[in-house]
Amino acid sequence: MSSHALTVSLDDGRALEAVGEGDPDGILLVFHHGSPAAVVPFPPFDRAAAERGIRLVTYSRPGFGDSTRNKGRTVASCAADVAALADELGVDHFITVGWSGGGPHAIAC
């Protein structure tokens, strides 16, 4: 149980900053944070995810944190970014959830 930073290189040359927490062998849950914000390790999430067998990954949306801006992006644009993140992690299926400004992004996925 420990968080770790990830950087995903996207096909269009952008980078996507993410943090992995919880059980690295668990089912992937992609969490969409509120707005405005960027990803930071959060020990209570790490602990709760690990206890439940969940591999929690949170990412900074384009233009936040160390994620490259995506000029002209829409909320629906996140679906391709999250798919690339899942591919990078070698995962075919995942669960997604978001709160506040992250809710519409979770629905887009």
PDB file of N, CA and C in Angstrom:
ATOM      1  N   MET A   1       0.840  -1.176   0.000  1.00  0.00           N
ATOM      2  CA  MET A   1       0.000   0.000   0.000  1.00  0.00           C
ATOM      3  C   MET A   1       0.886   1.241   0.000  1.00  0.00           C
ATOM      4  N   SER A   2       0.978   1.896  -1.133  1.00  0.00           N
ATOM      5  CA  SER A   2       1.671   3.174  -1.223  1.00  0.00           C
ATOM      6  C   SER A   2       1.314   3.804  -2.552  1.00  0.00           C
ATOM      7  N   SER A   3       1.218   5.109  -2.560  1.00  0.00           N
ATOM      8  CA  SER A   3       0.880   5.789  -3.803  1.00  0.00           C
ATOM      9  C   SER A   3       2.125   5.914  -4.680  1.00  0.00           C
ATOM     10  N   HIS A   4       1.878   5.997  -5.978  1.00  0.00           N
ATOM     11  CA  HIS A   4       2.989   6.179  -6.912  1.00  0.00           C
ATOM     12  C   HIS A   4       2.530   7.064  -8.070  1.00  0.00           C
ATOM     13  N   ALA A   5       3.434   7.908  -8.530  1.00  0.00           N
ATOM     14  CA  ALA A   5       3.150   8.825  -9.624  1.00  0.00           C
ATOM     15  C   ALA A   5       3.289   8.108 -10.962  1.00  0.00           C
ATOM     16  N   LEU A   6       2.442   8.484 -11.896  1.00  0.00           N
ATOM     17  CA  LEU A   6       2.478   7.946 -13.256  1.00  0.00           C
ATOM     18  C   LEU A   6       2.449   9.115 -14.228  1.00  0.00           C
ATOM     19  N   THR A   7       3.092   8.963 -15.348  1.00  0.00           N
ATOM     20  CA  THR A   7       2.945   9.905 -16.451  1.00  0.00           C
ATOM     21  C   THR A   7       2.658   9.087 -17.691  1.00  0.00           C
ATOM     22  N   VAL A   8       1.515   9.357 -18.313  1.00  0.00           N
ATOM     23  CA  VAL A   8       1.117   8.634 -19.515  1.00  0.00           C
ATOM     24  C   VAL A   8       1.369   9.535 -20.718  1.00  0.00           C
ATOM     25  N   SER A   9       2.114   9.038 -21.679  1.00  0.00           N
ATOM     26  CA  SER A   9       2.350   9.754 -22.927  1.00  0.00           C
ATOM     27  C   SER A   9       1.214   9.426 -23.882  1.00  0.00           C
ATOM     28  N   LEU A  10       0.492  10.444 -24.303  1.00  0.00           N
ATOM     29  CA  LEU A  10      -0.659  10.255 -25.185  1.00  0.00           C
ATOM     30  C   LEU A  10      -0.237  10.347 -26.646  1.00  0.00           C
ATOM     31  N   ASP A  11      -1.039   9.752 -27.525  1.00  0.00           N
ATOM     32  CA  ASP A  11      -0.705   9.699 -28.954  1.00  0.00           C
ATOM     33  C   ASP A  11      -0.535  11.075 -29.593  1.00  0.00           C
ATOM     34  N   ASP A  12      -1.217  12.096 -29.046  1.00  0.00           N
ATOM     35  CA  ASP A  12      -1.124  13.435 -29.635  1.00  0.00           C
ATOM     36  C   ASP A  12       0.047  14.243 -29.072  1.00  0.00           C
ATOM     37  N   GLY A  13       0.914  13.591 -28.280  1.00  0.00           N
ATOM     38  CA  GLY A  13       2.095  14.247 -27.737  1.00  0.00           C
ATOM     39  C   GLY A  13       1.918  14.848 -26.355  1.00  0.00           C
ATOM     40  N   ARG A  14       0.691  14.848 -25.860  1.00  0.00           N
ATOM     41  CA  ARG A  14       0.455  15.380 -24.514  1.00  0.00           C
ATOM     42  C   ARG A  14       0.861  14.364 -23.456  1.00  0.00           C
ATOM     43  N   ALA A  15       1.009  14.843 -22.229  1.00  0.00           N
ATOM     44  CA  ALA A  15       1.280  13.977 -21.076  1.00  0.00           C
ATOM     45  C   ALA A  15       0.103  14.068 -20.124  1.00  0.00           C
ATOM     46  N   LEU A  16      -0.205  12.954 -19.482  1.00  0.00           N
ATOM     47  CA  LEU A  16      -1.285  12.878 -18.505  1.00  0.00           C
ATOM     48  C   LEU A  16      -0.674  12.456 -17.171  1.00  0.00           C
ATOM     49  N   GLU A  17      -0.790  13.325 -16.173  1.00  0.00           N
ATOM     50  CA  GLU A  17      -0.274  13.049 -14.834  1.00  0.00           C
ATOM     51  C   GLU A  17      -1.318  12.241 -14.061  1.00  0.00           C
ATOM     52  N   ALA A  18      -0.863  11.214 -13.353  1.00  0.00           N
ATOM     53  CA  ALA A  18      -1.777  10.391 -12.562  1.00  0.00           C
ATOM     54  C   ALA A  18      -1.070   9.888 -11.304  1.00  0.00           C
ATOM     55  N   VAL A  19      -1.868   9.452 -10.359  1.00  0.00           N
ATOM     56  CA  VAL A  19      -1.363   8.828  -9.136  1.00  0.00           C
ATOM     57  C   VAL A  19      -2.118   7.526  -8.938  1.00  0.00           C
ATOM     58  N   GLY A  20      -1.369   6.453  -8.708  1.00  0.00           N
ATOM     59  CA  GLY A  20      -1.961   5.157  -8.416  1.00  0.00           C
ATOM     60  C   GLY A  20      -1.889   4.895  -6.921  1.00  0.00           C
ATOM     61  N   GLU A  21      -2.962   4.356  -6.369  1.00  0.00           N
ATOM     62  CA  GLU A  21      -3.027   4.047  -4.941  1.00  0.00           C
ATOM     63  C   GLU A  21      -3.763   2.726  -4.767  1.00  0.00           C
ATOM     64  N   GLY A  22      -3.761   2.222  -3.550  1.00  0.00           N
ATOM     65  CA  GLY A  22      -4.517   1.019  -3.239  1.00  0.00           C
ATOM     66  C   GLY A  22      -3.811  -0.258  -3.629  1.00  0.00           C
ATOM     67  N   ASP A  23      -4.612  -1.255  -4.026  1.00  0.00           N
ATOM     68  CA  ASP A  23      -4.129  -2.589  -4.367  1.00  0.00           C
ATOM     69  C   ASP A  23      -3.719  -2.633  -5.841  1.00  0.00           C
ATOM     70  N   PRO A  24      -2.430  -2.763  -6.144  1.00  0.00           N
ATOM     71  CA  PRO A  24      -2.000  -2.749  -7.552  1.00  0.00           C
ATOM     72  C   PRO A  24      -2.549  -3.913  -8.369  1.00  0.00           C
ATOM     73  N   ASP A  25      -3.055  -4.955  -7.707  1.00  0.00           N
ATOM     74  CA  ASP A  25      -3.637  -6.093  -8.414  1.00  0.00           C
ATOM     75  C   ASP A  25      -5.162  -6.076  -8.392  1.00  0.00           C
ATOM     76  N   GLY A  26      -5.740  -5.032  -7.817  1.00  0.00           N
ATOM     77  CA  GLY A  26      -7.198  -4.959  -7.686  1.00  0.00           C
ATOM     78  C   GLY A  26      -7.873  -4.444  -8.939  1.00  0.00           C
ATOM     79  N   ILE A  27      -9.211  -4.406  -8.899  1.00  0.00           N
ATOM     80  CA  ILE A  27      -9.987  -3.857 -10.006  1.00  0.00           C
ATOM     81  C   ILE A  27      -9.716  -2.358 -10.085  1.00  0.00           C
ATOM     82  N   LEU A  28      -9.537  -1.857 -11.307  1.00  0.00           N
ATOM     83  CA  LEU A  28      -9.202  -0.447 -11.502  1.00  0.00           C
ATOM     84  C   LEU A  28     -10.434   0.426 -11.307  1.00  0.00           C
ATOM     85  N   LEU A  29     -10.273   1.451 -10.469  1.00  0.00           N
ATOM     86  CA  LEU A  29     -11.265   2.496 -10.295  1.00  0.00           C
ATOM     87  C   LEU A  29     -10.587   3.814 -10.648  1.00  0.00           C
ATOM     88  N   VAL A  30     -11.065   4.467 -11.710  1.00  0.00           N
ATOM     89  CA  VAL A  30     -10.529   5.760 -12.119  1.00  0.00           C
ATOM     90  C   VAL A  30     -11.400   6.828 -11.467  1.00  0.00           C
ATOM     91  N   PHE A  31     -10.760   7.671 -10.661  1.00  0.00           N
ATOM     92  CA  PHE A  31     -11.464   8.720  -9.925  1.00  0.00           C
ATOM     93  C   PHE A  31     -11.227  10.063 -10.600  1.00  0.00           C
ATOM     94  N   HIS A  32     -12.325  10.804 -10.840  1.00  0.00           N
ATOM     95  CA  HIS A  32     -12.273  12.128 -11.457  1.00  0.00           C
ATOM     96  C   HIS A  32     -12.486  13.167 -10.353  1.00  0.00           C
ATOM     97  N   HIS A  33     -11.444  13.935 -10.048  1.00  0.00           N
ATOM     98  CA  HIS A  33     -11.508  14.925  -8.971  1.00  0.00           C
ATOM     99  C   HIS A  33     -12.381  16.109  -9.362  1.00  0.00           C
ATOM    100  N   GLY A  34     -12.699  16.930  -8.368  1.00  0.00           N
ATOM    101  CA  GLY A  34     -13.471  18.147  -8.591  1.00  0.00           C
ATOM    102  C   GLY A  34     -12.657  19.214  -9.310  1.00  0.00           C
ATOM    103  N   SER A  35     -13.305  20.349  -9.558  1.00  0.00           N
ATOM    104  CA  SER A  35     -12.658  21.440 -10.300  1.00  0.00           C
ATOM    105  C   SER A  35     -12.588  22.685  -9.434  1.00  0.00           C
ATOM    106  N   PRO A  36     -11.596  23.503  -9.575  1.00  0.00           N
ATOM    107  CA  PRO A  36     -10.323  23.214 -10.219  1.00  0.00           C
ATOM    108  C   PRO A  36      -9.438  22.443  -9.249  1.00  0.00           C
ATOM    109  N   ALA A  37      -8.693  21.540  -9.736  1.00  0.00           N
ATOM    110  CA  ALA A  37      -7.815  20.742  -8.882  1.00  0.00           C
ATOM    111  C   ALA A  37      -6.851  19.944  -9.751  1.00  0.00           C
ATOM    112  N   ALA A  38      -5.880  19.365  -9.091  1.00  0.00           N
ATOM    113  CA  ALA A  38      -4.948  18.437  -9.722  1.00  0.00           C
ATOM    114  C   ALA A  38      -4.780  17.274  -8.758  1.00  0.00           C
ATOM    115  N   VAL A  39      -4.261  16.189  -9.249  1.00  0.00           N
ATOM    116  CA  VAL A  39      -4.109  14.976  -8.460  1.00  0.00           C
ATOM    117  C   VAL A  39      -3.013  15.151  -7.403  1.00  0.00           C
ATOM    118  N   VAL A  40      -3.287  14.636  -6.222  1.00  0.00           N
ATOM    119  CA  VAL A  40      -2.293  14.547  -5.148  1.00  0.00           C
ATOM    120  C   VAL A  40      -2.523  13.222  -4.426  1.00  0.00           C
ATOM    121  N   PRO A  41      -1.468  12.600  -3.950  1.00  0.00           N
ATOM    122  CA  PRO A  41      -1.666  11.386  -3.154  1.00  0.00           C
ATOM    123  C   PRO A  41      -2.505  11.719  -1.922  1.00  0.00           C
ATOM    124  N   PHE A  42      -3.392  10.808  -1.539  1.00  0.00           N
ATOM    125  CA  PHE A  42      -4.269  11.033  -0.392  1.00  0.00           C
ATOM    126  C   PHE A  42      -4.293   9.748   0.430  1.00  0.00           C
ATOM    127  N   PRO A  43      -3.479   9.665   1.482  1.00  0.00           N
ATOM    128  CA  PRO A  43      -3.338   8.427   2.250  1.00  0.00           C
ATOM    129  C   PRO A  43      -4.656   7.761   2.676  1.00  0.00           C
ATOM    130  N   PRO A  44      -5.701   8.512   3.072  1.00  0.00           N
ATOM    131  CA  PRO A  44      -6.946   7.806   3.413  1.00  0.00           C
ATOM    132  C   PRO A  44      -7.557   7.049   2.228  1.00  0.00           C
ATOM    133  N   PHE A  45      -7.455   7.606   1.006  1.00  0.00           N
ATOM    134  CA  PHE A  45      -7.943   6.888  -0.181  1.00  0.00           C
ATOM    135  C   PHE A  45      -7.093   5.652  -0.437  1.00  0.00           C
ATOM    136  N   ASP A  46      -5.771   5.802  -0.308  1.00  0.00           N
ATOM    137  CA  ASP A  46      -4.840   4.698  -0.517  1.00  0.00           C
ATOM    138  C   ASP A  46      -5.199   3.545   0.414  1.00  0.00           C
ATOM    139  N   ARG A  47      -5.365   3.853   1.666  1.00  0.00           N
ATOM    140  CA  ARG A  47      -5.671   2.847   2.677  1.00  0.00           C
ATOM    141  C   ARG A  47      -7.031   2.180   2.406  1.00  0.00           C
ATOM    142  N   ALA A  48      -8.054   2.987   2.167  1.00  0.00           N
ATOM    143  CA  ALA A  48      -9.401   2.448   1.932  1.00  0.00           C
ATOM    144  C   ALA A  48      -9.436   1.581   0.679  1.00  0.00           C
ATOM    145  N   ALA A  49      -8.765   2.015  -0.388  1.00  0.00           N
ATOM    146  CA  ALA A  49      -8.742   1.229  -1.625  1.00  0.00           C
ATOM    147  C   ALA A  49      -8.022  -0.091  -1.406  1.00  0.00           C
ATOM    148  N   ALA A  50      -6.882  -0.055  -0.738  1.00  0.00           N
ATOM    149  CA  ALA A  50      -6.107  -1.277  -0.487  1.00  0.00           C
ATOM    150  C   ALA A  50      -6.915  -2.279   0.332  1.00  0.00           C
ATOM    151  N   GLU A  51      -7.627  -1.797   1.336  1.00  0.00           N
ATOM    152  CA  GLU A  51      -8.433  -2.682   2.201  1.00  0.00           C
ATOM    153  C   GLU A  51      -9.564  -3.354   1.431  1.00  0.00           C
ATOM    154  N   ARG A  52      -9.980  -2.760   0.315  1.00  0.00           N
ATOM    155  CA  ARG A  52     -11.115  -3.278  -0.458  1.00  0.00           C
ATOM    156  C   ARG A  52     -10.700  -3.933  -1.765  1.00  0.00           C
ATOM    157  N   GLY A  53      -9.407  -4.086  -1.997  1.00  0.00           N
ATOM    158  CA  GLY A  53      -8.936  -4.724  -3.225  1.00  0.00           C
ATOM    159  C   GLY A  53      -9.151  -3.871  -4.457  1.00  0.00           C
ATOM    160  N   ILE A  54      -9.057  -2.559  -4.305  1.00  0.00           N
ATOM    161  CA  ILE A  54      -9.282  -1.627  -5.414  1.00  0.00           C
ATOM    162  C   ILE A  54      -7.960  -0.975  -5.807  1.00  0.00           C
ATOM    163  N   ARG A  55      -7.732  -0.907  -7.095  1.00  0.00           N
ATOM    164  CA  ARG A  55      -6.591  -0.171  -7.648  1.00  0.00           C
ATOM    165  C   ARG A  55      -7.114   1.201  -8.052  1.00  0.00           C
ATOM    166  N   LEU A  56      -6.869   2.188  -7.235  1.00  0.00           N
ATOM    167  CA  LEU A  56      -7.390   3.535  -7.442  1.00  0.00           C
ATOM    168  C   LEU A  56      -6.388   4.370  -8.228  1.00  0.00           C
ATOM    169  N   VAL A  57      -6.847   4.968  -9.314  1.00  0.00           N
ATOM    170  CA  VAL A  57      -6.008   5.875 -10.089  1.00  0.00           C
ATOM    171  C   VAL A  57      -6.777   7.169 -10.292  1.00  0.00           C
ATOM    172  N   THR A  58      -6.135   8.264  -9.929  1.00  0.00           N
ATOM    173  CA  THR A  58      -6.677   9.602 -10.127  1.00  0.00           C
ATOM    174  C   THR A  58      -5.737  10.324 -11.084  1.00  0.00           C
ATOM    175  N   TYR A  59      -6.287  11.141 -11.965  1.00  0.00           N
ATOM    176  CA  TYR A  59      -5.433  11.847 -12.918  1.00  0.00           C
ATOM    177  C   TYR A  59      -5.785  13.328 -12.929  1.00  0.00           C
ATOM    178  N   SER A  60      -4.828  14.141 -13.336  1.00  0.00           N
ATOM    179  CA  SER A  60      -5.056  15.578 -13.500  1.00  0.00           C
ATOM    180  C   SER A  60      -5.573  15.811 -14.914  1.00  0.00           C
ATOM    181  N   ARG A  61      -6.713  16.460 -15.000  1.00  0.00           N
ATOM    182  CA  ARG A  61      -7.254  16.758 -16.324  1.00  0.00           C
ATOM    183  C   ARG A  61      -6.319  17.720 -17.070  1.00  0.00           C
ATOM    184  N   PRO A  62      -6.403  17.749 -18.407  1.00  0.00           N
ATOM    185  CA  PRO A  62      -5.525  18.603 -19.202  1.00  0.00           C
ATOM    186  C   PRO A  62      -5.531  20.054 -18.707  1.00  0.00           C
ATOM    187  N   GLY A  63      -4.308  20.583 -18.565  1.00  0.00           N
ATOM    188  CA  GLY A  63      -4.149  21.959 -18.119  1.00  0.00           C
ATOM    189  C   GLY A  63      -4.016  22.103 -16.613  1.00  0.00           C
ATOM    190  N   PHE A  64      -4.159  21.012 -15.879  1.00  0.00           N
ATOM    191  CA  PHE A  64      -4.018  21.033 -14.428  1.00  0.00           C
ATOM    192  C   PHE A  64      -2.821  20.177 -14.032  1.00  0.00           C
ATOM    193  N   GLY A  65      -2.164  20.551 -12.928  1.00  0.00           N
ATOM    194  CA  GLY A  65      -1.010  19.788 -12.467  1.00  0.00           C
ATOM    195  C   GLY A  65       0.022  19.687 -13.580  1.00  0.00           C
ATOM    196  N   ASP A  66       0.540  18.488 -13.774  1.00  0.00           N
ATOM    197  CA  ASP A  66       1.531  18.258 -14.823  1.00  0.00           C
ATOM    198  C   ASP A  66       0.933  17.667 -16.094  1.00  0.00           C
ATOM    199  N   SER A  67      -0.392  17.699 -16.220  1.00  0.00           N
ATOM    200  CA  SER A  67      -1.026  17.236 -17.463  1.00  0.00           C
ATOM    201  C   SER A  67      -1.021  18.374 -18.477  1.00  0.00           C
ATOM    202  N   THR A  68      -0.608  18.046 -19.690  1.00  0.00           N
ATOM    203  CA  THR A  68      -0.507  19.032 -20.758  1.00  0.00           C
ATOM    204  C   THR A  68      -1.888  19.537 -21.159  1.00  0.00           C
ATOM    205  N   ARG A  69      -1.967  20.823 -21.406  1.00  0.00           N
ATOM    206  CA  ARG A  69      -3.219  21.437 -21.857  1.00  0.00           C
ATOM    207  C   ARG A  69      -3.677  20.803 -23.172  1.00  0.00           C
ATOM    208  N   ASN A  70      -4.977  20.719 -23.359  1.00  0.00           N
ATOM    209  CA  ASN A  70      -5.562  20.198 -24.597  1.00  0.00           C
ATOM    210  C   ASN A  70      -6.509  21.266 -25.123  1.00  0.00           C
ATOM    211  N   LYS A  71      -5.970  22.168 -25.922  1.00  0.00           N
ATOM    212  CA  LYS A  71      -6.749  23.298 -26.425  1.00  0.00           C
ATOM    213  C   LYS A  71      -7.995  22.812 -27.160  1.00  0.00           C
ATOM    214  N   GLY A  72      -9.137  23.381 -26.796  1.00  0.00           N
ATOM    215  CA  GLY A  72     -10.393  23.038 -27.451  1.00  0.00           C
ATOM    216  C   GLY A  72     -11.067  21.786 -26.902  1.00  0.00           C
ATOM    217  N   ARG A  73     -10.544  21.238 -25.816  1.00  0.00           N
ATOM    218  CA  ARG A  73     -11.109  20.012 -25.274  1.00  0.00           C
ATOM    219  C   ARG A  73     -12.538  20.238 -24.778  1.00  0.00           C
ATOM    220  N   THR A  74     -13.298  19.168 -24.750  1.00  0.00           N
ATOM    221  CA  THR A  74     -14.635  19.158 -24.165  1.00  0.00           C
ATOM    222  C   THR A  74     -14.626  18.152 -23.016  1.00  0.00           C
ATOM    223  N   VAL A  75     -15.694  18.125 -22.255  1.00  0.00           N
ATOM    224  CA  VAL A  75     -15.793  17.135 -21.176  1.00  0.00           C
ATOM    225  C   VAL A  75     -15.654  15.731 -21.760  1.00  0.00           C
ATOM    226  N   ALA A  76     -16.273  15.488 -22.892  1.00  0.00           N
ATOM    227  CA  ALA A  76     -16.229  14.160 -23.505  1.00  0.00           C
ATOM    228  C   ALA A  76     -14.820  13.761 -23.938  1.00  0.00           C
ATOM    229  N   SER A  77     -13.922  14.740 -24.115  1.00  0.00           N
ATOM    230  CA  SER A  77     -12.543  14.436 -24.513  1.00  0.00           C
ATOM    231  C   SER A  77     -11.823  13.561 -23.496  1.00  0.00           C
ATOM    232  N   CYS A  78     -12.276  13.605 -22.255  1.00  0.00           N
ATOM    233  CA  CYS A  78     -11.589  12.835 -21.216  1.00  0.00           C
ATOM    234  C   CYS A  78     -11.693  11.334 -21.464  1.00  0.00           C
ATOM    235  N   ALA A  79     -12.707  10.890 -22.179  1.00  0.00           N
ATOM    236  CA  ALA A  79     -12.886   9.449 -22.395  1.00  0.00           C
ATOM    237  C   ALA A  79     -11.667   8.853 -23.113  1.00  0.00           C
ATOM    238  N   ALA A  80     -11.144   9.552 -24.106  1.00  0.00           N
ATOM    239  CA  ALA A  80      -9.956   9.055 -24.819  1.00  0.00           C
ATOM    240  C   ALA A  80      -8.731   9.070 -23.914  1.00  0.00           C
ATOM    241  N   ASP A  81      -8.609  10.106 -23.077  1.00  0.00           N
ATOM    242  CA  ASP A  81      -7.471  10.171 -22.153  1.00  0.00           C
ATOM    243  C   ASP A  81      -7.532   9.033 -21.145  1.00  0.00           C
ATOM    244  N   VAL A  82      -8.706   8.766 -20.607  1.00  0.00           N
ATOM    245  CA  VAL A  82      -8.854   7.694 -19.618  1.00  0.00           C
ATOM    246  C   VAL A  82      -8.652   6.328 -20.281  1.00  0.00           C
ATOM    247  N   ALA A  83      -9.098   6.172 -21.517  1.00  0.00           N
ATOM    248  CA  ALA A  83      -8.850   4.916 -22.235  1.00  0.00           C
ATOM    249  C   ALA A  83      -7.350   4.693 -22.407  1.00  0.00           C
ATOM    250  N   ALA A  84      -6.607   5.762 -22.736  1.00  0.00           N
ATOM    251  CA  ALA A  84      -5.149   5.647 -22.868  1.00  0.00           C
ATOM    252  C   ALA A  84      -4.506   5.304 -21.529  1.00  0.00           C
ATOM    253  N   LEU A  85      -5.030   5.868 -20.460  1.00  0.00           N
ATOM    254  CA  LEU A  85      -4.530   5.557 -19.122  1.00  0.00           C
ATOM    255  C   LEU A  85      -4.750   4.081 -18.800  1.00  0.00           C
ATOM    256  N   ALA A  86      -5.955   3.578 -19.061  1.00  0.00           N
ATOM    257  CA  ALA A  86      -6.253   2.160 -18.822  1.00  0.00           C
ATOM    258  C   ALA A  86      -5.364   1.257 -19.683  1.00  0.00           C
ATOM    259  N   ASP A  87      -5.169   1.643 -20.947  1.00  0.00           N
ATOM    260  CA  ASP A  87      -4.278   0.862 -21.822  1.00  0.00           C
ATOM    261  C   ASP A  87      -2.864   0.813 -21.256  1.00  0.00           C
ATOM    262  N   GLU A  88      -2.382   1.964 -20.794  1.00  0.00           N
ATOM    263  CA  GLU A  88      -1.033   2.037 -20.214  1.00  0.00           C
ATOM    264  C   GLU A  88      -0.901   1.097 -19.013  1.00  0.00           C
ATOM    265  N   LEU A  89      -1.987   0.958 -18.255  1.00  0.00           N
ATOM    266  CA  LEU A  89      -1.994   0.098 -17.078  1.00  0.00           C
ATOM    267  C   LEU A  89      -2.284  -1.361 -17.420  1.00  0.00           C
ATOM    268  N   GLY A  90      -2.587  -1.647 -18.701  1.00  0.00           N
ATOM    269  CA  GLY A  90      -2.865  -3.018 -19.124  1.00  0.00           C
ATOM    270  C   GLY A  90      -4.214  -3.520 -18.662  1.00  0.00           C
ATOM    271  N   VAL A  91      -5.183  -2.613 -18.578  1.00  0.00           N
ATOM    272  CA  VAL A  91      -6.511  -2.949 -18.059  1.00  0.00           C
ATOM    273  C   VAL A  91      -7.553  -2.789 -19.165  1.00  0.00           C
ATOM    274  N   ASP A  92      -8.396  -3.813 -19.343  1.00  0.00           N
ATOM    275  CA  ASP A  92      -9.460  -3.757 -20.350  1.00  0.00           C
ATOM    276  C   ASP A  92     -10.767  -3.184 -19.819  1.00  0.00           C
ATOM    277  N   HIS A  93     -11.049  -3.396 -18.528  1.00  0.00           N
ATOM    278  CA  HIS A  93     -12.298  -2.952 -17.917  1.00  0.00           C
ATOM    279  C   HIS A  93     -11.986  -2.204 -16.627  1.00  0.00           C
ATOM    280  N   PHE A  94     -12.786  -1.183 -16.330  1.00  0.00           N
ATOM    281  CA  PHE A  94     -12.574  -0.434 -15.102  1.00  0.00           C
ATOM    282  C   PHE A  94     -13.888   0.201 -14.659  1.00  0.00           C
ATOM    283  N   ILE A  95     -13.867   0.666 -13.448  1.00  0.00           N
ATOM    284  CA  ILE A  95     -14.983   1.414 -12.868  1.00  0.00           C
ATOM    285  C   ILE A  95     -14.544   2.868 -12.827  1.00  0.00           C
ATOM    286  N   THR A  96     -15.479   3.779 -12.965  1.00  0.00           N
ATOM    287  CA  THR A  96     -15.129   5.190 -12.875  1.00  0.00           C
ATOM    288  C   THR A  96     -16.155   5.917 -12.018  1.00  0.00           C
ATOM    289  N   VAL A  97     -15.684   6.905 -11.298  1.00  0.00           N
ATOM    290  CA  VAL A  97     -16.535   7.711 -10.432  1.00  0.00           C
ATOM    291  C   VAL A  97     -15.933   9.109 -10.353  1.00  0.00           C
ATOM    292  N   GLY A  98     -16.764  10.106 -10.103  1.00  0.00           N
ATOM    293  CA  GLY A  98     -16.273  11.467  -9.944  1.00  0.00           C
ATOM    294  C   GLY A  98     -17.140  12.243  -8.994  1.00  0.00           C
ATOM    295  N   TRP A  99     -16.539  13.262  -8.404  1.00  0.00           N
ATOM    296  CA  TRP A  99     -17.349  14.136  -7.555  1.00  0.00           C
ATOM    297  C   TRP A  99     -17.233  15.558  -8.054  1.00  0.00           C
ATOM    298  N   SER A 100     -18.259  16.339  -7.786  1.00  0.00           N
ATOM    299  CA  SER A 100     -18.314  17.745  -8.160  1.00  0.00           C
ATOM    300  C   SER A 100     -18.024  17.879  -9.662  1.00  0.00           C
ATOM    301  N   GLY A 101     -17.034  18.690 -10.040  1.00  0.00           N
ATOM    302  CA  GLY A 101     -16.705  18.885 -11.447  1.00  0.00           C
ATOM    303  C   GLY A 101     -16.210  17.629 -12.141  1.00  0.00           C
ATOM    304  N   GLY A 102     -15.865  16.594 -11.367  1.00  0.00           N
ATOM    305  CA  GLY A 102     -15.447  15.325 -11.955  1.00  0.00           C
ATOM    306  C   GLY A 102     -16.611  14.440 -12.366  1.00  0.00           C
ATOM    307  N   GLY A 103     -17.814  14.737 -11.845  1.00  0.00           N
ATOM    308  CA  GLY A 103     -18.988  13.921 -12.176  1.00  0.00           C
ATOM    309  C   GLY A 103     -19.268  13.826 -13.659  1.00  0.00           C
ATOM    310  N   PRO A 104     -19.337  14.969 -14.382  1.00  0.00           N
ATOM    311  CA  PRO A 104     -19.571  14.903 -15.821  1.00  0.00           C
ATOM    312  C   PRO A 104     -18.467  14.129 -16.567  1.00  0.00           C
ATOM    313  N   HIS A 105     -17.227  14.201 -16.073  1.00  0.00           N
ATOM    314  CA  HIS A 105     -16.136  13.479 -16.711  1.00  0.00           C
ATOM    315  C   HIS A 105     -16.306  11.966 -16.523  1.00  0.00           C
ATOM    316  N   ALA A 106     -16.765  11.559 -15.346  1.00  0.00           N
ATOM    317  CA  ALA A 106     -17.028  10.135 -15.107  1.00  0.00           C
ATOM    318  C   ALA A 106     -18.146   9.647 -16.021  1.00  0.00           C
ATOM    319  N   ILE A 107     -19.186  10.464 -16.183  1.00  0.00           N
ATOM    320  CA  ILE A 107     -20.295  10.079 -17.060  1.00  0.00           C
ATOM    321  C   ILE A 107     -19.801   9.973 -18.508  1.00  0.00           C
ATOM    322  N   ALA A 108     -18.905  10.846 -18.925  1.00  0.00           N
ATOM    323  CA  ALA A 108     -18.366  10.798 -20.286  1.00  0.00           C
ATOM    324  C   ALA A 108     -17.628   9.491 -20.555  1.00  0.00           C
ATOM    325  N   CYS A 109     -17.029   8.940 -19.506  1.00  0.00           N
ATOM    326  CA  CYS A 109     -16.298   7.682 -19.691  1.00  0.00           C
ATOM    327  C   CYS A 109     -17.251   6.510 -19.818  1.00  0.00           C
TER     328      CYS A 109
END
